[in-house]
Protein backbone atom coordinates (compact mmCIF):
# COMPACT_ATOMS: atom_id res chain seq x y z
CA MET A 1 166.31 243.57 99.65
CA SER A 2 169.26 242.28 97.62
CA ARG A 3 171.39 239.47 98.99
CA ASP A 4 175.14 239.83 99.33
CA TRP A 5 175.97 237.16 96.78
CA ALA A 6 179.71 237.85 96.97
CA SER A 7 179.76 236.59 100.55
CA ARG A 8 178.24 233.22 99.67
CA GLN A 9 179.84 229.90 98.78
CA LEU A 10 177.49 227.55 96.94
CA HIS A 11 178.13 223.90 96.09
CA PHE A 12 175.81 222.44 93.43
CA ILE A 13 175.28 218.67 93.53
CA GLY A 14 174.26 217.82 89.97
CA ILE A 15 175.75 221.02 88.57
CA GLY A 16 175.84 219.61 85.03
CA GLY A 17 172.08 219.57 84.62
CA ALA A 18 170.44 222.14 82.37
CA GLY A 19 168.67 224.05 85.14
CA MET A 20 171.36 223.65 87.79
CA SER A 21 174.16 224.80 85.49
CA GLY A 22 172.18 227.92 84.61
CA LEU A 23 171.67 228.75 88.28
CA ALA A 24 175.36 228.15 88.97
CA LEU A 25 176.42 230.48 86.16
CA VAL A 26 174.15 233.27 87.37
CA CYS A 27 175.33 232.92 90.98
CA HIS A 28 178.91 233.06 89.72
CA ARG A 29 178.03 236.16 87.69
CA LEU A 30 176.67 237.80 90.88
CA GLY A 31 179.93 237.17 92.71
CA ALA A 32 179.29 233.98 94.68
CA ARG A 33 182.01 231.34 94.97
CA VAL A 34 180.59 228.36 93.09
CA THR A 35 181.67 224.73 93.07
CA GLY A 36 179.86 221.58 92.06
CA SER A 37 179.89 218.04 90.77
CA ASP A 38 177.97 215.76 88.46
CA ARG A 39 178.08 212.07 87.68
CA SER A 40 179.19 212.58 84.08
CA ASP A 41 180.63 215.18 81.74
CA SER A 42 178.41 217.16 79.37
CA SER A 43 178.19 220.27 77.23
CA TYR A 44 176.85 222.09 80.26
CA MET A 45 180.00 221.20 82.18
CA GLU A 46 182.03 222.63 79.30
CA ARG A 47 180.05 225.85 79.50
CA LEU A 48 180.76 226.08 83.24
CA ARG A 49 184.49 225.64 82.59
CA ALA A 50 184.39 228.32 79.91
CA ALA A 51 182.96 230.70 82.53
CA GLY A 52 185.88 230.02 84.85
CA LEU A 53 184.34 227.35 87.08
CA ALA A 54 185.85 223.93 87.79
CA PRO A 55 183.05 221.37 88.11
CA VAL A 56 184.09 217.88 89.20
CA VAL A 57 183.02 214.71 87.35
CA GLY A 58 181.90 212.11 89.89
CA HIS A 59 180.29 212.43 93.30
CA ASP A 60 182.52 212.17 96.36
CA ALA A 61 182.30 213.59 99.87
CA ALA A 62 185.71 215.19 99.33
CA ASN A 63 184.13 217.49 96.72
CA LEU A 64 182.19 219.42 99.38
CA PRO A 65 184.09 222.52 100.55
CA ASP A 66 184.02 223.48 104.21
CA GLY A 67 181.36 226.04 104.99
CA ALA A 68 179.57 225.81 101.64
CA GLU A 69 175.83 225.99 101.23
CA VAL A 70 174.57 222.99 99.26
CA VAL A 71 172.17 223.22 96.32
CA VAL A 72 170.31 220.14 95.08
CA SER A 73 167.57 219.24 92.64
CA THR A 74 164.82 216.66 93.06
CA ALA A 75 167.00 214.20 91.10
CA ILE A 76 169.63 213.98 93.87
CA GLY A 77 169.06 210.95 96.11
CA ALA A 78 169.59 210.87 99.84
CA ASP A 79 172.47 208.40 99.38
CA ASN A 80 174.58 210.94 97.49
CA PRO A 81 177.86 211.13 99.46
CA GLU A 82 178.14 214.91 99.21
CA LEU A 83 174.57 215.40 100.40
CA ALA A 84 175.09 212.86 103.20
CA LEU A 85 178.18 214.75 104.43
CA ALA A 86 176.34 218.06 104.28
CA ARG A 87 173.61 216.67 106.51
CA GLU A 88 176.22 215.27 108.90
CA ARG A 89 177.55 218.81 109.17
CA GLY A 90 174.06 220.09 109.94
CA ILE A 91 173.71 221.82 106.58
CA GLU A 92 170.15 221.80 105.25
CA PRO A 93 170.33 221.70 101.43
CA ILE A 94 168.74 224.40 99.30
CA HIS A 95 166.43 223.06 96.63
CA ARG A 96 167.06 224.52 93.18
CA GLY A 97 163.54 225.98 93.22
CA ALA A 98 164.26 227.90 96.41
CA LEU A 99 167.51 229.26 94.95
CA LEU A 100 165.70 230.28 91.77
CA ALA A 101 163.18 232.13 93.94
CA GLU A 102 166.01 233.96 95.73
CA LEU A 103 167.49 235.07 92.43
CA CYS A 104 164.13 236.11 91.01
CA ALA A 105 163.43 238.21 94.10
CA GLU A 106 166.28 240.50 93.04
CA LYS A 107 164.18 241.95 90.18
CA ARG A 108 160.61 242.40 89.02
CA LEU A 109 159.48 238.89 88.10
CA ILE A 110 157.45 237.63 85.16
CA ALA A 111 156.98 233.89 85.76
CA ILE A 112 155.55 231.59 83.08
CA ALA A 113 153.89 228.34 84.17
CA GLY A 114 151.76 225.73 82.44
CA THR A 115 151.74 222.09 81.46
CA HIS A 116 152.62 222.91 77.85
CA GLY A 117 154.30 225.87 76.19
CA LYS A 118 156.02 227.43 79.18
CA THR A 119 159.57 226.94 77.88
CA THR A 120 158.87 228.47 74.47
CA THR A 121 156.76 231.29 75.93
CA THR A 122 159.53 232.13 78.40
CA ALA A 123 162.09 232.07 75.59
CA MET A 124 159.92 234.24 73.32
CA LEU A 125 159.39 236.87 76.00
CA THR A 126 163.09 236.92 76.87
CA TRP A 127 164.04 237.22 73.20
CA ALA A 128 161.59 240.06 72.62
CA LEU A 129 162.63 242.05 75.69
CA ARG A 130 166.27 241.58 74.69
CA GLY A 131 165.40 242.92 71.25
CA LEU A 132 163.82 246.00 72.82
CA GLY A 133 166.94 246.71 74.87
CA ALA A 134 165.34 245.81 78.20
CA ASP A 135 168.18 243.33 79.00
CA PRO A 136 166.23 241.01 81.35
CA ALA A 137 167.65 238.27 83.51
CA PHE A 138 166.22 234.92 82.40
CA PHE A 139 165.82 231.30 83.39
CA ILE A 140 164.52 229.03 80.61
CA GLY A 141 164.01 225.26 80.54
CA GLY A 142 165.67 224.94 77.14
CA GLU A 143 168.57 226.26 75.10
CA VAL A 144 167.92 229.35 72.97
CA PRO A 145 170.39 230.27 70.20
CA GLY A 146 171.63 233.83 70.45
CA LEU A 147 170.95 234.47 74.14
CA GLY A 148 174.45 233.58 75.31
CA PRO A 149 177.76 235.42 75.02
CA ASP A 150 178.81 236.13 71.43
CA GLY A 151 175.56 234.73 70.08
CA ALA A 152 175.93 231.31 71.69
CA SER A 153 172.99 229.31 73.02
CA ALA A 154 171.95 229.84 76.63
CA ASN A 155 169.16 228.93 79.02
CA ALA A 156 170.01 231.39 81.80
CA GLY A 157 171.62 234.80 82.14
CA TRP A 158 171.73 237.89 84.31
CA GLY A 159 170.89 241.09 82.46
CA GLU A 160 171.13 244.59 83.86
CA GLY A 161 167.47 245.46 83.29
CA GLU A 162 164.74 245.63 85.94
CA TRP A 163 162.92 242.44 84.88
CA VAL A 164 163.62 238.75 85.28
CA VAL A 165 161.73 236.28 83.09
CA ALA A 166 161.57 232.77 84.55
CA GLU A 167 160.03 229.45 83.64
CA ALA A 168 158.01 228.17 86.59
CA ASP A 169 158.11 224.38 86.99
CA GLU A 170 155.08 222.59 88.42
CA SER A 171 156.59 219.10 88.15
CA ASP A 172 157.90 219.12 91.73
CA ALA A 173 155.78 222.05 93.00
CA SER A 174 158.86 224.29 93.11
CA PHE A 175 156.96 227.01 91.24
CA LEU A 176 155.18 227.75 94.50
CA GLU A 177 158.44 229.26 95.79
CA LEU A 178 158.19 232.10 93.25
CA LYS A 179 156.48 235.43 93.92
CA PRO A 180 155.75 236.85 90.48
CA GLU A 181 154.60 240.38 89.81
CA ILE A 182 153.16 239.06 86.54
CA ALA A 183 152.07 235.40 86.40
CA VAL A 184 151.43 233.61 83.11
CA VAL A 185 149.53 230.31 82.96
CA THR A 186 149.47 228.73 79.52
CA ASN A 187 147.28 225.71 80.41
CA VAL A 188 146.79 223.11 83.14
CA GLU A 189 146.67 219.36 82.48
CA MET A 190 147.76 216.32 84.44
CA ASP A 191 151.30 215.33 83.52
CA HIS A 192 153.43 214.55 86.59
CA HIS A 193 151.41 211.77 88.15
CA SER A 194 154.04 210.90 90.75
CA ARG A 195 153.64 214.40 92.28
CA TRP A 196 150.01 215.39 91.78
CA ASN A 197 147.14 213.12 92.80
CA SER A 198 144.37 214.83 90.83
CA ILE A 199 143.62 217.67 88.46
CA ALA A 200 141.83 219.44 91.33
CA GLU A 201 145.00 219.38 93.42
CA LEU A 202 147.03 220.65 90.48
CA ARG A 203 144.59 223.47 89.72
CA ALA A 204 144.73 224.54 93.36
CA ALA A 205 148.52 224.72 93.09
CA PHE A 206 148.30 226.92 90.00
CA ALA A 207 145.81 229.17 91.81
CA ALA A 208 148.31 229.49 94.68
CA PHE A 209 151.08 230.29 92.18
CA THR A 210 149.09 233.22 90.78
CA ALA A 211 147.59 234.41 94.06
CA GLY A 212 150.02 237.22 94.86
CA ALA A 213 150.56 238.49 91.32
CA SER A 214 149.32 241.96 90.39
CA GLY A 215 149.12 240.92 86.73
CA LEU A 216 147.77 237.67 85.32
CA VAL A 217 147.88 236.20 81.81
CA ALA A 218 145.78 233.15 80.91
CA PRO A 219 144.15 231.69 77.77
CA ALA A 220 140.81 233.11 76.66
CA GLU A 221 139.62 229.79 75.25
CA ASP A 222 140.49 227.36 78.01
CA GLU A 223 138.68 225.52 80.75
CA LEU A 224 140.52 227.67 83.27
CA HIS A 225 139.59 231.10 81.98
CA VAL A 226 141.17 233.90 83.98
CA GLU A 227 138.91 234.36 86.99
CA PRO A 228 139.34 231.04 88.89
CA LEU A 229 143.11 231.55 89.20
CA GLY A 230 142.98 233.42 92.50
CA GLY A 231 140.60 236.14 93.59
CA ALA A 232 142.97 239.01 94.37
CA GLU A 233 142.55 242.41 92.76
CA ARG A 234 144.72 242.31 89.68
CA GLU A 235 145.00 243.31 86.07
CA ALA A 236 144.16 240.27 83.96
CA ARG A 237 144.91 239.77 80.29
CA ALA A 238 143.47 236.92 78.25
CA TYR A 239 145.07 235.77 75.01
CA GLY A 240 144.14 233.66 72.01
CA GLU A 241 145.13 233.10 68.37
CA GLY A 242 143.85 236.56 67.42
CA GLY A 243 145.33 238.69 70.15
CA PRO A 244 146.75 240.61 71.81
CA GLY A 245 149.03 242.18 69.24
CA PRO A 246 148.67 242.60 65.49
CA ALA A 247 146.23 240.34 63.68
CA GLY A 248 148.95 239.04 61.37
CA LEU A 249 151.73 237.74 63.58
CA SER A 250 154.96 236.93 61.73
CA LEU A 251 156.88 234.00 63.25
CA ASP A 252 159.72 231.84 62.00
CA VAL A 253 158.59 228.91 64.17
CA PRO A 254 155.67 226.81 62.85
CA GLY A 255 152.48 225.65 64.48
CA ARG A 256 149.27 226.97 66.01
CA HIS A 257 150.69 226.24 69.44
CA ASN A 258 153.56 228.63 68.79
CA VAL A 259 151.10 231.36 67.77
CA LEU A 260 149.46 230.88 71.16
CA ASN A 261 152.83 230.93 72.91
CA ALA A 262 153.65 234.21 71.16
CA ARG A 263 150.29 235.73 72.12
CA ALA A 264 150.94 234.79 75.76
CA ALA A 265 154.35 236.47 75.59
CA LEU A 266 152.75 239.56 74.05
CA ALA A 267 150.12 239.71 76.79
CA ALA A 268 152.78 239.49 79.50
CA ALA A 269 154.88 242.18 77.84
CA ALA A 270 151.86 244.47 77.60
CA LEU A 271 151.19 244.07 81.33
CA ALA A 272 154.83 244.96 81.94
CA GLY A 273 154.36 248.20 80.01
CA PHE A 274 156.00 247.36 76.69
CA ASP A 275 154.60 248.40 73.32
CA LEU A 276 152.78 245.52 71.63
CA ALA A 277 153.80 246.42 68.09
CA ALA A 278 157.47 246.61 69.09
CA VAL A 279 157.29 243.28 70.92
CA ALA A 280 155.60 241.61 67.93
CA ALA A 281 158.31 242.95 65.62
CA ALA A 282 161.02 241.59 67.93
CA LEU A 283 159.34 238.16 68.00
CA ALA A 284 159.55 237.87 64.22
CA GLY A 285 163.21 236.86 64.49
CA PHE A 286 162.77 234.37 67.34
CA PRO A 287 164.88 231.32 66.37
CA GLY A 288 163.09 228.71 68.46
CA VAL A 289 164.28 226.57 71.34
CA ALA A 290 166.51 223.53 71.12
CA ARG A 291 164.47 220.31 71.06
CA ARG A 292 161.28 222.21 70.18
CA LEU A 293 160.60 221.41 66.51
CA GLU A 294 164.34 221.68 65.94
CA LEU A 295 165.52 220.92 62.41
CA LYS A 296 168.44 218.51 62.72
CA GLY A 297 169.21 218.23 59.00
CA GLU A 298 168.36 216.04 56.03
CA ARG A 299 168.76 212.40 55.07
CA ASP A 300 167.91 210.99 51.63
CA GLY A 301 165.93 214.13 50.79
CA ALA A 302 163.84 213.92 53.97
CA ARG A 303 163.93 216.65 56.60
CA VAL A 304 164.64 215.38 60.13
CA TYR A 305 163.25 217.23 63.16
CA ASP A 306 163.37 216.67 66.90
CA ASP A 307 160.85 217.69 69.57
CA TYR A 308 160.76 217.37 73.35
CA ALA A 309 157.02 216.60 73.46
CA HIS A 310 156.23 214.06 76.19
CA HIS A 311 152.49 214.55 76.81
CA PRO A 312 149.71 213.56 74.37
CA THR A 313 148.65 217.19 73.90
CA GLU A 314 152.23 218.14 73.01
CA VAL A 315 152.67 215.19 70.64
CA ARG A 316 149.48 216.17 68.83
CA ALA A 317 150.61 219.82 68.57
CA THR A 318 154.02 218.79 67.21
CA LEU A 319 152.58 216.56 64.50
CA ALA A 320 149.91 219.12 63.60
CA ALA A 321 152.61 221.77 63.14
CA LEU A 322 154.62 219.46 60.87
CA ARG A 323 151.46 218.68 58.87
CA GLU A 324 151.29 222.39 58.05
CA MET A 325 154.49 221.87 56.02
CA GLU A 326 152.57 219.45 53.77
CA PRO A 327 155.18 216.69 53.72
CA ALA A 328 154.90 213.86 51.26
CA ARG A 329 155.05 211.52 54.25
CA LEU A 330 155.14 212.26 57.98
CA ILE A 331 157.11 209.73 60.04
CA ALA A 332 157.21 209.88 63.85
CA ALA A 333 159.61 208.09 66.18
CA PHE A 334 158.26 208.31 69.72
CA GLN A 335 159.99 207.43 72.97
CA PRO A 336 157.66 207.49 76.01
CA HIS A 337 159.10 209.25 79.06
CA LEU A 338 158.46 207.78 82.54
CA TYR A 339 156.55 204.60 83.32
CA SER A 340 153.91 206.50 85.31
CA ARG A 341 153.11 208.81 82.39
CA THR A 342 153.07 205.90 79.93
CA ARG A 343 150.65 203.95 82.10
CA ALA A 344 148.33 206.94 82.42
CA PHE A 345 148.42 208.06 78.78
CA ALA A 346 149.18 205.06 76.55
CA ASP A 347 145.84 205.27 74.72
CA GLN A 348 146.06 209.07 74.32
CA PHE A 349 149.61 208.78 72.99
CA GLY A 350 148.40 206.26 70.43
CA ALA A 351 145.61 208.59 69.32
CA ALA A 352 148.01 211.54 69.00
CA LEU A 353 150.57 209.54 67.03
CA ALA A 354 147.87 208.57 64.53
CA LEU A 355 148.34 212.03 63.00
CA ALA A 356 151.50 210.63 61.38
CA ASP A 357 151.64 208.41 58.30
CA GLU A 358 154.12 206.01 59.91
CA VAL A 359 155.12 205.52 63.53
CA ALA A 360 158.03 203.87 65.30
CA VAL A 361 157.71 203.45 69.07
CA LEU A 362 160.67 202.94 71.39
CA ASP A 363 160.62 201.56 74.90
CA VAL A 364 160.13 203.83 77.89
CA TYR A 365 162.89 206.22 78.90
CA PRO A 366 162.71 205.61 82.66
CA ALA A 367 164.56 208.69 83.98
CA ARG A 368 164.11 208.46 87.75
CA GLU A 369 161.54 205.63 87.79
CA GLU A 370 161.73 201.84 88.07
CA PRO A 371 159.12 199.45 86.56
CA VAL A 372 158.13 197.99 89.91
CA GLY A 373 154.98 197.81 91.96
CA ALA A 374 152.09 199.50 90.18
CA LEU A 375 154.41 200.26 87.25
CA ALA A 376 155.50 196.65 86.69
CA GLY A 377 154.90 195.52 83.12
CA VAL A 378 154.46 199.02 81.69
CA SER A 379 156.21 199.28 78.33
CA GLY A 380 156.42 201.33 75.18
CA LEU A 381 154.70 198.38 73.54
CA ASP A 382 151.49 199.62 75.21
CA VAL A 383 151.79 202.82 73.15
CA ALA A 384 152.67 200.93 69.96
CA ARG A 385 149.54 198.79 70.33
CA ALA A 386 147.38 201.86 71.00
CA ALA A 387 148.79 203.56 67.91
CA ALA A 388 148.22 200.46 65.76
CA ASP A 389 144.58 200.41 66.87
CA ARG A 390 144.12 203.91 65.49
CA MET A 391 146.33 203.92 62.40
CA GLY A 392 143.90 202.12 60.12
CA GLY A 393 146.51 199.68 58.85
CA ARG A 394 149.24 202.27 58.42
CA ARG A 395 152.70 201.17 59.49
CA VAL A 396 153.53 201.01 63.23
CA LEU A 397 156.97 199.69 64.17
CA TRP A 398 157.99 198.42 67.59
CA THR A 399 161.66 199.44 67.85
CA PRO A 400 162.53 199.28 71.56
CA THR A 401 166.14 200.50 71.29
CA LEU A 402 167.77 203.50 69.68
CA GLY A 403 169.71 201.22 67.34
CA GLN A 404 166.62 199.35 66.21
CA ALA A 405 164.77 202.60 65.57
CA GLN A 406 167.63 204.04 63.56
CA GLU A 407 167.99 200.90 61.44
CA ALA A 408 164.27 200.71 60.70
CA LEU A 409 163.81 204.40 59.95
CA ALA A 410 166.83 204.63 57.65
CA LYS A 411 164.87 202.50 55.18
CA ARG A 412 161.77 204.71 55.36
CA LEU A 413 163.22 208.11 54.42
CA ALA A 414 162.68 209.53 50.93
CA PRO A 415 162.58 212.92 49.21
CA GLY A 416 159.75 215.13 50.46
CA ALA A 417 159.23 213.19 53.69
CA VAL A 418 159.49 214.67 57.17
CA MET A 419 160.68 212.57 60.09
CA VAL A 420 160.49 213.70 63.70
CA THR A 421 161.89 212.17 66.86
CA ILE A 422 159.59 212.88 69.81
CA GLY A 423 160.24 212.50 73.53
CA ALA A 424 162.02 213.97 76.55
CA GLY A 425 164.64 211.22 76.74
CA ASP A 426 167.50 210.45 74.35
CA VAL A 427 165.47 209.66 71.22
CA PHE A 428 166.99 212.75 69.57
CA LYS A 429 170.12 210.64 69.01
CA VAL A 430 168.23 208.61 66.40
CA GLY A 431 167.70 211.62 64.17
CA GLU A 432 171.19 212.98 64.75
CA ASP A 433 172.74 209.65 63.76
CA LEU A 434 170.55 209.33 60.68
CA VAL A 435 171.58 212.81 59.52
CA ALA A 436 175.26 212.25 60.30
CA ASN A 437 175.43 208.84 58.62
CA GLY A 438 173.52 210.06 55.61
CA ALA A 439 175.96 212.94 55.16
CA ARG A 440 178.91 210.54 55.08
CA ARG A 441 177.50 208.30 52.36
């Protein structure tokens, strides 16, 4: 049963985040009164203002309106003054995952989960259904050009069609709030070590995520297969490089991993009753997702890309896709994300980076973590050493800061080369600065 969104007042603490801003915009679109704050300004805050909202920069108890429900993400600490006041008032905050589940319950839900590929698969399916006139609502963990008003980029929107397509996030277990009609699982690997204790625990969570779905999509060639993901009666559809859909799949985005993402989107669309040939045709114009093999420009005749990859499997897929372009030289600048992930995967990161001809490694982007306790002493240098062990004498640079990486890499670019910045932190600034400074010379 639909909620009366127009009767609700929602205050988002951390409204300037990618996911939170998307939720806020959709709630506003549905008629709710929306306020919010964030610690700093951003392009997402500008987008909120353009939609008629007035987000506040800085956290203060005075920002919290009387009678408002409070929405938070995992990133909001208990010492936040707005959250503290809400609890003093007896208001139990709504986690962003629970609010996403409320919104998704308004329509028929296709939810896409998985350690890798879920953002692009969600974006591909949304793009294709848009192209077919289905006008779905959507919640995507990345910006997609053309999905916003007047062709702008967007990561969330509320269409008038019967379907909602949503990325399902396992990092904090919030995907368990969702009740999909069609569940897609792209793959399952350990990634968020601060949340999940073992692969067995994580697999059990994915099984719970799929348990109530009447349709299930999973890889044909994967250790999961389809059957272990819940035992309910359902229609299951496996996918692989060769199907479903036409044998020759035309895509503007490179890489074997993107072929698999497209096949997963096709399988989900087929379960939802859409024609496979029409969906494949719509996917041909998919422009990609920001920070997923995104071309930033050129410098000294070298093409400069950026990618959000932050797991060894993703790093390997990114470099393999760029190898398909046959560059004269492939240069990777990698910034590890989280101390816990770096500690767990330093050797695997080194092995993945060895697909490049040259590597620069930055220090860890800590996000929410501190290098204390079991994480004390963990450093990006661990990854640099692991890469050097596997590079067979090829160049590995230890460039802990953004400035050091930019200075070192500026000397390495030449016609025919491809450089890529890799990581979920702020390493993308290195490539952007190299392109911008090169253009001014």
